[in-house]
Amino acid sequence: MVLIIPADFEDPRLLAFLEHHHRAMHAQTPKGSAHALDIAGLRHPSIAVWTAWIGEELAGTGALKRLSPEHGEVKSMRTAE
């Protein structure tokens, strides 16, 4: 079963996962074309971040930016390798 919960930015497993995601996006994308938010960007009040867990293993993350009460923009998604 997958458990989806709000992100806990105090969890070192999440911080390592997000740092890897940010580095990988910038390494795999042409310069100036990577728009992956860093941890500070993901912590902005307009961004909601969730984590997906299978047992004690972090399986993935997703983030949504609120643009209006009816609209949002997916900002980040990644699954564990």
N, C-alpha and C. Protein backbone atom coordinates (compact mmCIF):
# COMPACT_ATOMS: atom_id res chain seq x y z
N MET A 1 0.83 -1.17 0.00
CA MET A 1 0.00 0.00 0.00
C MET A 1 0.89 1.25 0.00
N VAL A 2 0.47 2.25 -0.75
CA VAL A 2 1.19 3.53 -0.80
C VAL A 2 0.48 4.52 0.11
N LEU A 3 1.25 5.15 0.97
CA LEU A 3 0.73 6.18 1.87
C LEU A 3 1.19 7.53 1.34
N ILE A 4 0.25 8.43 1.06
CA ILE A 4 0.57 9.77 0.58
C ILE A 4 0.26 10.76 1.69
N ILE A 5 1.30 11.54 2.07
CA ILE A 5 1.15 12.49 3.18
C ILE A 5 1.86 13.80 2.81
N PRO A 6 1.50 14.89 3.50
CA PRO A 6 2.24 16.15 3.28
C PRO A 6 3.72 15.96 3.60
N ALA A 7 4.54 16.68 2.88
CA ALA A 7 5.99 16.58 3.05
C ALA A 7 6.41 17.10 4.42
N ASP A 8 7.38 16.40 5.00
CA ASP A 8 8.01 16.81 6.26
C ASP A 8 9.43 17.24 5.91
N PHE A 9 9.64 18.55 5.80
CA PHE A 9 10.95 19.06 5.38
C PHE A 9 12.02 18.90 6.46
N GLU A 10 11.67 18.31 7.59
CA GLU A 10 12.66 18.00 8.62
C GLU A 10 13.20 16.57 8.44
N ASP A 11 12.60 15.80 7.55
CA ASP A 11 13.01 14.41 7.33
C ASP A 11 14.24 14.38 6.42
N PRO A 12 15.38 13.89 6.90
CA PRO A 12 16.59 13.87 6.08
C PRO A 12 16.45 12.99 4.83
N ARG A 13 15.58 11.99 4.86
CA ARG A 13 15.36 11.16 3.66
C ARG A 13 14.72 11.99 2.55
N LEU A 14 13.78 12.83 2.91
CA LEU A 14 13.14 13.70 1.92
C LEU A 14 14.13 14.72 1.39
N LEU A 15 14.91 15.34 2.27
CA LEU A 15 15.87 16.35 1.83
C LEU A 15 16.88 15.75 0.86
N ALA A 16 17.38 14.56 1.14
CA ALA A 16 18.32 13.90 0.22
C ALA A 16 17.65 13.59 -1.11
N PHE A 17 16.42 13.11 -1.07
CA PHE A 17 15.66 12.78 -2.28
C PHE A 17 15.48 14.03 -3.15
N LEU A 18 15.08 15.15 -2.52
CA LEU A 18 14.85 16.38 -3.28
C LEU A 18 16.15 16.97 -3.80
N GLU A 19 17.23 16.89 -3.04
CA GLU A 19 18.52 17.39 -3.52
C GLU A 19 18.98 16.58 -4.73
N HIS A 20 18.78 15.25 -4.68
CA HIS A 20 19.12 14.40 -5.83
C HIS A 20 18.28 14.79 -7.04
N HIS A 21 16.98 14.99 -6.83
CA HIS A 21 16.08 15.39 -7.92
C HIS A 21 16.56 16.69 -8.57
N HIS A 22 16.87 17.68 -7.75
CA HIS A 22 17.29 18.99 -8.27
C HIS A 22 18.59 18.87 -9.07
N ARG A 23 19.57 18.14 -8.52
CA ARG A 23 20.85 17.94 -9.23
C ARG A 23 20.61 17.20 -10.55
N ALA A 24 19.81 16.14 -10.51
CA ALA A 24 19.57 15.34 -11.71
C ALA A 24 18.87 16.15 -12.80
N MET A 25 17.90 16.96 -12.42
CA MET A 25 17.18 17.77 -13.40
C MET A 25 18.13 18.75 -14.10
N HIS A 26 19.02 19.37 -13.33
CA HIS A 26 19.95 20.33 -13.92
C HIS A 26 21.03 19.62 -14.74
N ALA A 27 21.38 18.40 -14.38
CA ALA A 27 22.39 17.65 -15.12
C ALA A 27 21.84 17.10 -16.44
N GLN A 28 20.54 16.81 -16.49
CA GLN A 28 19.94 16.16 -17.65
C GLN A 28 19.21 17.11 -18.59
N THR A 29 19.17 18.39 -18.25
CA THR A 29 18.41 19.36 -19.02
C THR A 29 19.35 20.43 -19.57
N PRO A 30 19.13 20.89 -20.80
CA PRO A 30 19.99 21.95 -21.33
C PRO A 30 20.01 23.17 -20.41
N LYS A 31 21.15 23.82 -20.35
CA LYS A 31 21.32 24.99 -19.48
C LYS A 31 20.21 26.01 -19.75
N GLY A 32 19.60 26.48 -18.67
CA GLY A 32 18.53 27.46 -18.78
C GLY A 32 17.15 26.86 -19.00
N SER A 33 17.08 25.54 -19.17
CA SER A 33 15.79 24.90 -19.44
C SER A 33 15.25 24.11 -18.25
N ALA A 34 16.04 23.92 -17.22
CA ALA A 34 15.58 23.18 -16.04
C ALA A 34 14.86 24.16 -15.11
N HIS A 35 13.66 23.82 -14.75
CA HIS A 35 12.88 24.71 -13.89
C HIS A 35 12.52 24.03 -12.58
N ALA A 36 13.28 23.01 -12.21
CA ALA A 36 13.03 22.30 -10.95
C ALA A 36 13.28 23.23 -9.78
N LEU A 37 12.34 23.28 -8.87
CA LEU A 37 12.49 24.11 -7.69
C LEU A 37 13.44 23.46 -6.70
N ASP A 38 14.27 24.27 -6.07
CA ASP A 38 15.11 23.75 -4.99
C ASP A 38 14.26 23.64 -3.72
N ILE A 39 14.86 23.20 -2.64
CA ILE A 39 14.10 22.98 -1.40
C ILE A 39 13.48 24.29 -0.91
N ALA A 40 14.20 25.38 -0.99
CA ALA A 40 13.64 26.66 -0.56
C ALA A 40 12.41 27.02 -1.40
N GLY A 41 12.48 26.79 -2.69
CA GLY A 41 11.34 27.06 -3.57
C GLY A 41 10.15 26.19 -3.25
N LEU A 42 10.41 24.92 -2.93
CA LEU A 42 9.32 24.01 -2.58
C LEU A 42 8.68 24.34 -1.24
N ARG A 43 9.39 25.04 -0.39
CA ARG A 43 8.86 25.41 0.93
C ARG A 43 8.03 26.69 0.88
N HIS A 44 7.92 27.32 -0.27
CA HIS A 44 7.14 28.56 -0.39
C HIS A 44 5.68 28.28 -0.01
N PRO A 45 5.02 29.21 0.67
CA PRO A 45 3.64 28.99 1.11
C PRO A 45 2.64 28.67 -0.01
N SER A 46 2.92 29.07 -1.23
CA SER A 46 1.99 28.79 -2.34
C SER A 46 2.18 27.39 -2.92
N ILE A 47 3.17 26.65 -2.42
CA ILE A 47 3.47 25.31 -2.94
C ILE A 47 3.06 24.27 -1.89
N ALA A 48 2.33 23.26 -2.34
CA ALA A 48 2.00 22.12 -1.49
C ALA A 48 2.82 20.93 -1.99
N VAL A 49 3.48 20.25 -1.08
CA VAL A 49 4.33 19.11 -1.44
C VAL A 49 3.84 17.89 -0.68
N TRP A 50 3.73 16.77 -1.40
CA TRP A 50 3.33 15.51 -0.79
C TRP A 50 4.42 14.48 -1.03
N THR A 51 4.47 13.51 -0.16
CA THR A 51 5.39 12.39 -0.31
C THR A 51 4.59 11.10 -0.37
N ALA A 52 5.11 10.15 -1.12
CA ALA A 52 4.49 8.82 -1.22
C ALA A 52 5.45 7.82 -0.60
N TRP A 53 4.94 7.01 0.31
CA TRP A 53 5.74 6.06 1.06
C TRP A 53 5.21 4.65 0.88
N ILE A 54 6.13 3.72 0.74
CA ILE A 54 5.81 2.30 0.79
C ILE A 54 6.58 1.77 1.99
N GLY A 55 5.88 1.55 3.06
CA GLY A 55 6.55 1.22 4.32
C GLY A 55 7.40 2.40 4.75
N GLU A 56 8.67 2.15 5.02
CA GLU A 56 9.60 3.20 5.43
C GLU A 56 10.37 3.80 4.25
N GLU A 57 10.07 3.34 3.03
CA GLU A 57 10.78 3.81 1.84
C GLU A 57 10.04 4.95 1.16
N LEU A 58 10.76 6.02 0.89
CA LEU A 58 10.19 7.14 0.14
C LEU A 58 10.10 6.73 -1.33
N ALA A 59 8.88 6.65 -1.84
CA ALA A 59 8.65 6.17 -3.21
C ALA A 59 8.53 7.30 -4.22
N GLY A 60 8.21 8.52 -3.75
CA GLY A 60 8.08 9.62 -4.68
C GLY A 60 7.60 10.88 -4.01
N THR A 61 7.60 11.96 -4.78
CA THR A 61 7.13 13.26 -4.32
C THR A 61 6.33 13.93 -5.42
N GLY A 62 5.51 14.85 -5.02
CA GLY A 62 4.77 15.67 -5.97
C GLY A 62 4.53 17.03 -5.35
N ALA A 63 4.49 18.07 -6.17
CA ALA A 63 4.27 19.42 -5.68
C ALA A 63 3.32 20.16 -6.60
N LEU A 64 2.47 20.97 -5.99
CA LEU A 64 1.48 21.73 -6.73
C LEU A 64 1.51 23.18 -6.24
N LYS A 65 1.57 24.11 -7.20
CA LYS A 65 1.54 25.54 -6.86
C LYS A 65 0.12 26.04 -7.07
N ARG A 66 -0.42 26.70 -6.05
CA ARG A 66 -1.75 27.28 -6.17
C ARG A 66 -1.65 28.57 -6.98
N LEU A 67 -2.37 28.62 -8.09
CA LEU A 67 -2.41 29.82 -8.92
C LEU A 67 -3.65 30.65 -8.62
N SER A 68 -4.73 29.98 -8.28
CA SER A 68 -5.99 30.62 -7.89
C SER A 68 -6.78 29.56 -7.14
N PRO A 69 -7.94 29.92 -6.59
CA PRO A 69 -8.72 28.88 -5.89
C PRO A 69 -9.12 27.71 -6.79
N GLU A 70 -9.19 27.93 -8.09
CA GLU A 70 -9.60 26.87 -9.02
C GLU A 70 -8.47 26.29 -9.85
N HIS A 71 -7.29 26.86 -9.80
CA HIS A 71 -6.21 26.45 -10.70
C HIS A 71 -4.91 26.22 -9.94
N GLY A 72 -4.18 25.23 -10.41
CA GLY A 72 -2.86 24.93 -9.86
C GLY A 72 -1.93 24.51 -10.97
N GLU A 73 -0.66 24.45 -10.66
CA GLU A 73 0.37 24.05 -11.62
C GLU A 73 1.27 23.01 -10.96
N VAL A 74 1.42 21.87 -11.60
CA VAL A 74 2.33 20.86 -11.09
C VAL A 74 3.73 21.43 -11.20
N LYS A 75 4.44 21.46 -10.08
CA LYS A 75 5.78 22.04 -10.05
C LYS A 75 6.88 20.99 -10.04
N SER A 76 6.58 19.84 -9.50
CA SER A 76 7.64 18.85 -9.37
C SER A 76 7.01 17.49 -9.11
N MET A 77 7.54 16.49 -9.77
CA MET A 77 7.14 15.10 -9.50
C MET A 77 8.36 14.23 -9.74
N ARG A 78 8.53 13.26 -8.87
CA ARG A 78 9.64 12.31 -9.06
C ARG A 78 9.31 11.03 -8.32
N THR A 79 9.69 9.92 -8.92
CA THR A 79 9.57 8.64 -8.24
C THR A 79 10.97 8.13 -7.95
N ALA A 80 11.06 7.32 -6.92
CA ALA A 80 12.35 6.73 -6.57
C ALA A 80 12.80 5.78 -7.68
N GLU A 81 14.10 5.67 -7.85
CA GLU A 81 14.63 4.77 -8.87
C GLU A 81 14.39 3.34 -8.45
